[in-house]
C-alpha atoms as a PDB file:
ATOM      1  CA  MET A   1      93.903  33.860 -29.559  1.00  0.00           C
ATOM      2  CA  SER A   2      97.521  35.782 -30.210  1.00  0.00           C
ATOM      3  CA  LYS A   3      99.250  36.182 -27.216  1.00  0.00           C
ATOM      4  CA  ASN A   4      99.242  39.893 -27.328  1.00  0.00           C
ATOM      5  CA  THR A   5      95.536  39.508 -27.207  1.00  0.00           C
ATOM      6  CA  GLN A   6      95.604  37.582 -23.987  1.00  0.00           C
ATOM      7  CA  ASN A   7      98.163  40.290 -22.354  1.00  0.00           C
ATOM      8  CA  THR A   8      95.991  42.684 -23.126  1.00  0.00           C
ATOM      9  CA  GLN A   9      93.016  40.824 -21.792  1.00  0.00           C
ATOM     10  CA  THR A  10      94.804  40.298 -18.819  1.00  0.00           C
ATOM     11  CA  LEU A  11      96.197  44.026 -17.895  1.00  0.00           C
ATOM     12  CA  THR A  12      92.201  45.027 -18.601  1.00  0.00           C
ATOM     13  CA  LYS A  13      90.692  42.453 -16.212  1.00  0.00           C
ATOM     14  CA  LYS A  14      93.647  43.737 -13.496  1.00  0.00           C
ATOM     15  CA  GLU A  15      92.559  47.158 -13.932  1.00  0.00           C
ATOM     16  CA  ASN A  16      89.061  46.396 -14.080  1.00  0.00           C
ATOM     17  CA  PHE A  17      89.931  44.282 -10.312  1.00  0.00           C
ATOM     18  CA  LEU A  18      91.715  47.122  -8.994  1.00  0.00           C
ATOM     19  CA  LYS A  19      89.293  50.111  -9.983  1.00  0.00           C
ATOM     20  CA  ALA A  20      86.637  47.152  -8.345  1.00  0.00           C
ATOM     21  CA  LEU A  21      89.473  46.846  -4.881  1.00  0.00           C
ATOM     22  CA  GLU A  22      89.503  50.292  -4.290  1.00  0.00           C
ATOM     23  CA  SER A  23      85.308  51.051  -4.677  1.00  0.00           C
ATOM     24  CA  LYS A  24      85.022  47.896  -2.419  1.00  0.00           C
ATOM     25  CA  HIS A  25      87.246  49.640  -0.056  1.00  0.00           C
ATOM     26  CA  GLY A  26      90.687  46.979  -0.274  1.00  0.00           C
ATOM     27  CA  HIS A  27      87.830  43.786   0.369  1.00  0.00           C
ATOM     28  CA  ILE A  28      89.298  41.148  -1.956  1.00  0.00           C
ATOM     29  CA  SER A  29      86.269  38.880  -2.350  1.00  0.00           C
ATOM     30  CA  GLU A  30      84.033  41.721  -2.868  1.00  0.00           C
ATOM     31  CA  ALA A  31      86.686  42.996  -5.757  1.00  0.00           C
ATOM     32  CA  CYS A  32      86.943  39.687  -7.239  1.00  0.00           C
ATOM     33  CA  ILE A  33      83.014  39.016  -7.822  1.00  0.00           C
ATOM     34  CA  ALA A  34      82.625  42.834  -9.043  1.00  0.00           C
ATOM     35  CA  ALA A  35      86.010  42.483 -11.346  1.00  0.00           C
ATOM     36  CA  ASN A  36      84.397  38.294 -12.177  1.00  0.00           C
ATOM     37  CA  ILE A  37      87.920  37.296 -11.431  1.00  0.00           C
ATOM     38  CA  HIS A  38      88.116  34.036  -9.237  1.00  0.00           C
ATOM     39  CA  ARG A  39      89.775  34.840  -5.312  1.00  0.00           C
ATOM     40  CA  ARG A  40      92.631  32.268  -6.734  1.00  0.00           C
ATOM     41  CA  THR A  41      93.319  34.684  -9.819  1.00  0.00           C
ATOM     42  CA  TYR A  42      94.453  37.445  -7.862  1.00  0.00           C
ATOM     43  CA  TYR A  43      96.973  35.647  -5.583  1.00  0.00           C
ATOM     44  CA  SER A  44      98.661  34.372  -8.828  1.00  0.00           C
ATOM     45  CA  TRP A  45      98.587  37.805 -10.337  1.00  0.00           C
ATOM     46  CA  ILE A  46      99.883  38.995  -6.429  1.00  0.00           C
ATOM     47  CA  ASP A  47     102.633  36.353  -6.825  1.00  0.00           C
ATOM     48  CA  LYS A  48     103.727  36.869 -10.512  1.00  0.00           C
ATOM     49  CA  ASP A  49     103.232  40.657 -10.837  1.00  0.00           C
ATOM     50  CA  GLU A  50     105.221  42.931  -8.898  1.00  0.00           C
ATOM     51  CA  GLU A  51     103.475  45.758  -9.892  1.00  0.00           C
ATOM     52  CA  PHE A  52      99.852  44.932  -9.315  1.00  0.00           C
ATOM     53  CA  LYS A  53     100.954  43.716  -5.846  1.00  0.00           C
ATOM     54  CA  ILE A  54     102.465  47.615  -5.274  1.00  0.00           C
ATOM     55  CA  ARG A  55      99.409  48.939  -7.047  1.00  0.00           C
ATOM     56  CA  CYS A  56      97.144  46.517  -4.448  1.00  0.00           C
ATOM     57  CA  LYS A  57      99.247  47.972  -1.599  1.00  0.00           C
ATOM     58  CA  GLU A  58      98.969  51.699  -2.585  1.00  0.00           C
ATOM     59  CA  ILE A  59      95.201  50.923  -2.651  1.00  0.00           C
ATOM     60  CA  GLU A  60      95.365  49.259   1.192  1.00  0.00           C
ATOM     61  CA  GLU A  61      97.332  52.343   2.146  1.00  0.00           C
ATOM     62  CA  SER A  62      95.302  54.521   1.066  1.00  0.00           C
ATOM     63  CA  LEU A  63      92.034  53.585   2.725  1.00  0.00           C
ATOM     64  CA  LEU A  64      94.172  53.277   5.859  1.00  0.00           C
ATOM     65  CA  ASP A  65      94.843  57.305   5.208  1.00  0.00           C
ATOM     66  CA  LEU A  66      91.228  57.072   5.246  1.00  0.00           C
ATOM     67  CA  ALA A  67      90.687  55.538   8.122  1.00  0.00           C
ATOM     68  CA  GLU A  68      93.010  57.383  10.181  1.00  0.00           C
ATOM     69  CA  SER A  69      92.237  60.738   9.501  1.00  0.00           C
ATOM     70  CA  LYS A  70      88.537  59.608  10.311  1.00  0.00           C
ATOM     71  CA  LEU A  71      90.110  58.908  13.313  1.00  0.00           C
ATOM     72  CA  LEU A  72      91.922  61.791  13.962  1.00  0.00           C
ATOM     73  CA  ASP A  73      88.302  64.048  13.105  1.00  0.00           C
ATOM     74  CA  ASN A  74      86.979  61.664  15.730  1.00  0.00           C
ATOM     75  CA  ILE A  75      89.728  62.565  18.343  1.00  0.00           C
ATOM     76  CA  LYS A  76      89.363  66.316  17.727  1.00  0.00           C
ATOM     77  CA  LYS A  77      85.806  66.332  18.084  1.00  0.00           C
ATOM     78  CA  GLY A  78      86.301  64.917  22.141  1.00  0.00           C
ATOM     79  CA  ASP A  79      85.217  61.175  21.093  1.00  0.00           C
ATOM     80  CA  ASN A  80      87.071  59.760  24.752  1.00  0.00           C
ATOM     81  CA  THR A  81      86.855  55.922  22.670  1.00  0.00           C
ATOM     82  CA  CYS A  82      89.032  57.180  19.812  1.00  0.00           C
ATOM     83  CA  ILE A  83      91.579  59.269  22.174  1.00  0.00           C
ATOM     84  CA  ILE A  84      91.999  56.342  24.298  1.00  0.00           C
ATOM     85  CA  PHE A  85      92.443  53.722  21.359  1.00  0.00           C
ATOM     86  CA  TYR A  86      95.036  56.300  19.946  1.00  0.00           C
ATOM     87  CA  LEU A  87      96.661  56.772  22.980  1.00  0.00           C
ATOM     88  CA  LYS A  88      97.057  53.250  23.428  1.00  0.00           C
ATOM     89  CA  THR A  89      98.065  52.191  19.939  1.00  0.00           C
ATOM     90  CA  ARG A  90      99.745  55.336  19.264  1.00  0.00           C
ATOM     91  CA  GLY A  91     101.074  56.901  22.893  1.00  0.00           C
ATOM     92  CA  LYS A  92     102.750  53.312  23.953  1.00  0.00           C
ATOM     93  CA  LYS A  93     106.419  55.423  24.330  1.00  0.00           C
ATOM     94  CA  ARG A  94     104.466  58.048  26.763  1.00  0.00           C
ATOM     95  CA  GLY A  95     103.325  54.779  29.202  1.00  0.00           C
ATOM     96  CA  TYR A  96      99.653  54.584  27.593  1.00  0.00           C
ATOM     97  CA  VAL A  97      99.570  50.685  27.940  1.00  0.00           C
ATOM     98  CA  GLU A  98      97.681  48.348  29.698  1.00  0.00           C
ATOM     99  CA  LYS A  99      99.532  45.772  31.251  1.00  0.00           C
ATOM    100  CA  GLN A 100      98.677  42.888  33.330  1.00  0.00           C
ATOM    101  CA  GLU A 101     101.131  42.304  36.321  1.00  0.00           C
ATOM    102  CA  PHE A 102     101.597  39.029  38.302  1.00  0.00           C
ATOM    103  CA  GLU A 103     103.150  38.315  41.758  1.00  0.00           C
ATOM    104  CA  VAL A 104     104.425  34.805  42.641  1.00  0.00           C
ATOM    105  CA  VAL A 105     103.719  34.263  46.393  1.00  0.00           C
ATOM    106  CA  LYS A 106     104.675  30.221  46.080  1.00  0.00           C
ATOM    107  CA  PRO A 107     107.615  28.872  44.633  1.00  0.00           C
ATOM    108  CA  ILE A 108     107.069  27.798  40.931  1.00  0.00           C
ATOM    109  CA  SER A 109     106.873  23.861  41.531  1.00  0.00           C
ATOM    110  CA  GLU A 110     103.622  24.313  43.382  1.00  0.00           C
ATOM    111  CA  ILE A 111     101.754  26.753  41.338  1.00  0.00           C
ATOM    112  CA  ASN A 112      98.814  24.654  39.416  1.00  0.00           C
ATOM    113  CA  PHE A 113      98.732  26.510  35.639  1.00  0.00           C
ATOM    114  CA  ASP A 114      95.599  24.585  35.070  1.00  0.00           C
ATOM    115  CA  GLU A 115      93.708  26.589  37.549  1.00  0.00           C
ATOM    116  CA  ILE A 116      95.035  29.784  36.223  1.00  0.00           C
END
């Protein structure tokens, strides 16, 4: 098999994998199975092919955008769990953080850390 034929087949396999990755919502193992490649092949492509790596990241980002849009839809519907989640993750600058405060009432040398 010529080098050009091998390159063409590899490009086709990469394209098939990228389509599978998108249809499998970024799930690498499922995309590998659908594209009939080994997971090691995927990681080899990621390491050696910057364009392939970028396209995989773009798929990942588009799925993250989708998830964020669904979260925002639920916030608009008044879903308290989604509102709290959003505030805890994106509203930290405004004080929406959970903190644990500890008050030390005896010298550090007397504290048994195994009891904590």
